[in-house]
């Protein structure tokens, strides 16, 4: 069973956004259409875990959460995602880059 963390009490917008406009990110989860993506059936796969995209805009939801509009160039989909569903590829800490070794250089080539 998945470990589900409740974050209803967290006010993300009290802090600066975690990602910047134009930042390269990778999806940490799969995203299916919840009915808000026009032209796709409900439940249809929009984003796979590991898909790479770019933050195109930053909005808010319920005056509580940041929503990042991420354009996934592989599929052409632009999807609204929460910070917990994304990971940066442009601003990885030095210790993470050191652990990645050769893979870090490969990430740089994925632009």
Protein backbone atom coordinates (compact mmCIF):
# COMPACT_ATOMS: atom_id res chain seq x y z
CA UNK A 1 0.00 0.00 0.00
CA UNK A 2 1.30 3.45 -0.87
CA UNK A 3 2.47 5.81 1.82
CA UNK A 4 0.06 8.73 1.49
CA UNK A 5 1.14 11.96 3.14
CA UNK A 6 -1.58 14.47 3.90
CA UNK A 7 -0.58 18.01 3.03
CA UNK A 8 -3.89 19.80 3.35
CA UNK A 9 -2.53 21.97 6.16
CA UNK A 10 0.56 23.10 4.26
CA UNK A 11 0.43 26.59 2.73
CA UNK A 12 3.01 26.34 -0.06
CA UNK A 13 2.42 29.88 -1.31
CA UNK A 14 3.79 31.27 1.98
CA UNK A 15 7.19 30.33 0.52
CA UNK A 16 8.73 31.10 -2.89
CA UNK A 17 7.97 28.62 -5.70
CA UNK A 18 10.27 25.59 -5.71
CA UNK A 19 10.84 25.80 -9.49
CA UNK A 20 11.52 28.70 -11.85
CA UNK A 21 10.10 29.56 -15.25
CA UNK A 22 11.97 27.63 -17.94
CA UNK A 23 13.48 25.17 -15.46
CA UNK A 24 13.98 21.63 -16.71
CA UNK A 25 12.13 19.10 -14.55
CA UNK A 26 11.38 15.39 -14.53
CA UNK A 27 8.11 13.78 -13.54
CA UNK A 28 8.23 11.68 -10.37
CA UNK A 29 4.80 10.16 -11.06
CA UNK A 30 2.48 9.21 -13.88
CA UNK A 31 -0.29 11.71 -14.60
CA UNK A 32 -3.65 10.73 -16.04
CA UNK A 33 -6.37 13.04 -17.30
CA UNK A 34 -8.73 13.90 -14.46
CA UNK A 35 -11.13 15.51 -16.92
CA UNK A 36 -9.40 18.88 -17.09
CA UNK A 37 -7.25 18.11 -20.15
CA UNK A 38 -9.28 18.91 -23.27
CA UNK A 39 -9.29 16.38 -26.08
CA UNK A 40 -8.27 13.37 -24.00
CA UNK A 41 -10.45 10.81 -22.26
CA UNK A 42 -10.67 10.73 -18.49
CA UNK A 43 -8.01 8.35 -17.21
CA UNK A 44 -5.90 8.61 -20.36
CA UNK A 45 -2.15 8.75 -19.70
CA UNK A 46 -0.66 12.23 -20.15
CA UNK A 47 2.76 11.97 -18.48
CA UNK A 48 4.93 8.96 -17.64
CA UNK A 49 7.22 8.79 -14.65
CA UNK A 50 10.60 10.00 -15.91
CA UNK A 51 9.27 12.27 -18.66
CA UNK A 52 11.26 15.51 -18.99
CA UNK A 53 9.62 18.88 -19.39
CA UNK A 54 10.03 22.61 -18.84
CA UNK A 55 8.12 24.87 -16.44
CA UNK A 56 6.13 27.29 -18.61
CA UNK A 57 4.07 29.09 -15.95
CA UNK A 58 3.39 29.09 -12.24
CA UNK A 59 -0.06 29.52 -10.76
CA UNK A 60 -1.82 28.74 -7.52
CA UNK A 61 -4.67 26.48 -6.48
CA UNK A 62 -7.02 27.09 -3.54
CA UNK A 63 -4.73 29.92 -2.35
CA UNK A 64 -2.59 27.15 -0.90
CA UNK A 65 -0.55 25.26 -3.51
CA UNK A 66 1.64 26.20 -6.44
CA UNK A 67 0.66 24.59 -9.73
CA UNK A 68 3.42 24.38 -12.31
CA UNK A 69 2.36 24.25 -15.96
CA UNK A 70 4.95 21.89 -17.39
CA UNK A 71 5.39 21.36 -21.12
CA UNK A 72 6.57 17.86 -21.92
CA UNK A 73 8.27 18.19 -25.28
CA UNK A 74 8.23 14.45 -26.00
CA UNK A 75 4.44 14.24 -25.97
CA UNK A 76 3.57 17.89 -26.55
CA UNK A 77 1.34 17.89 -23.47
CA UNK A 78 1.24 20.84 -21.11
CA UNK A 79 0.09 19.63 -17.71
CA UNK A 80 -0.46 21.32 -14.35
CA UNK A 81 1.55 19.58 -11.63
CA UNK A 82 2.36 20.02 -7.96
CA UNK A 83 5.95 20.39 -6.71
CA UNK A 84 5.84 16.97 -5.04
CA UNK A 85 5.24 15.41 -8.48
CA UNK A 86 8.39 16.98 -9.97
CA UNK A 87 12.16 17.01 -9.52
CA UNK A 88 14.58 19.57 -10.93
CA UNK A 89 17.21 18.60 -13.45
CA UNK A 90 18.80 22.04 -13.66
CA UNK A 91 19.59 22.70 -9.99
CA UNK A 92 20.68 19.39 -8.53
CA UNK A 93 22.86 19.71 -5.40
CA UNK A 94 26.58 19.11 -5.88
CA UNK A 95 26.50 15.95 -3.74
CA UNK A 96 23.80 14.47 -5.98
CA UNK A 97 25.78 15.32 -9.11
CA UNK A 98 28.86 13.69 -7.56
CA UNK A 99 26.90 10.51 -6.85
CA UNK A 100 25.54 10.46 -10.40
CA UNK A 101 29.03 10.67 -11.90
CA UNK A 102 28.82 9.95 -15.66
CA UNK A 103 25.03 10.03 -15.54
CA UNK A 104 25.19 13.72 -14.55
CA UNK A 105 26.92 14.48 -17.85
CA UNK A 106 24.27 12.47 -19.69
CA UNK A 107 21.56 14.54 -17.99
CA UNK A 108 23.19 17.71 -19.28
CA UNK A 109 22.92 16.31 -22.83
CA UNK A 110 19.14 15.73 -22.50
CA UNK A 111 18.25 19.32 -23.32
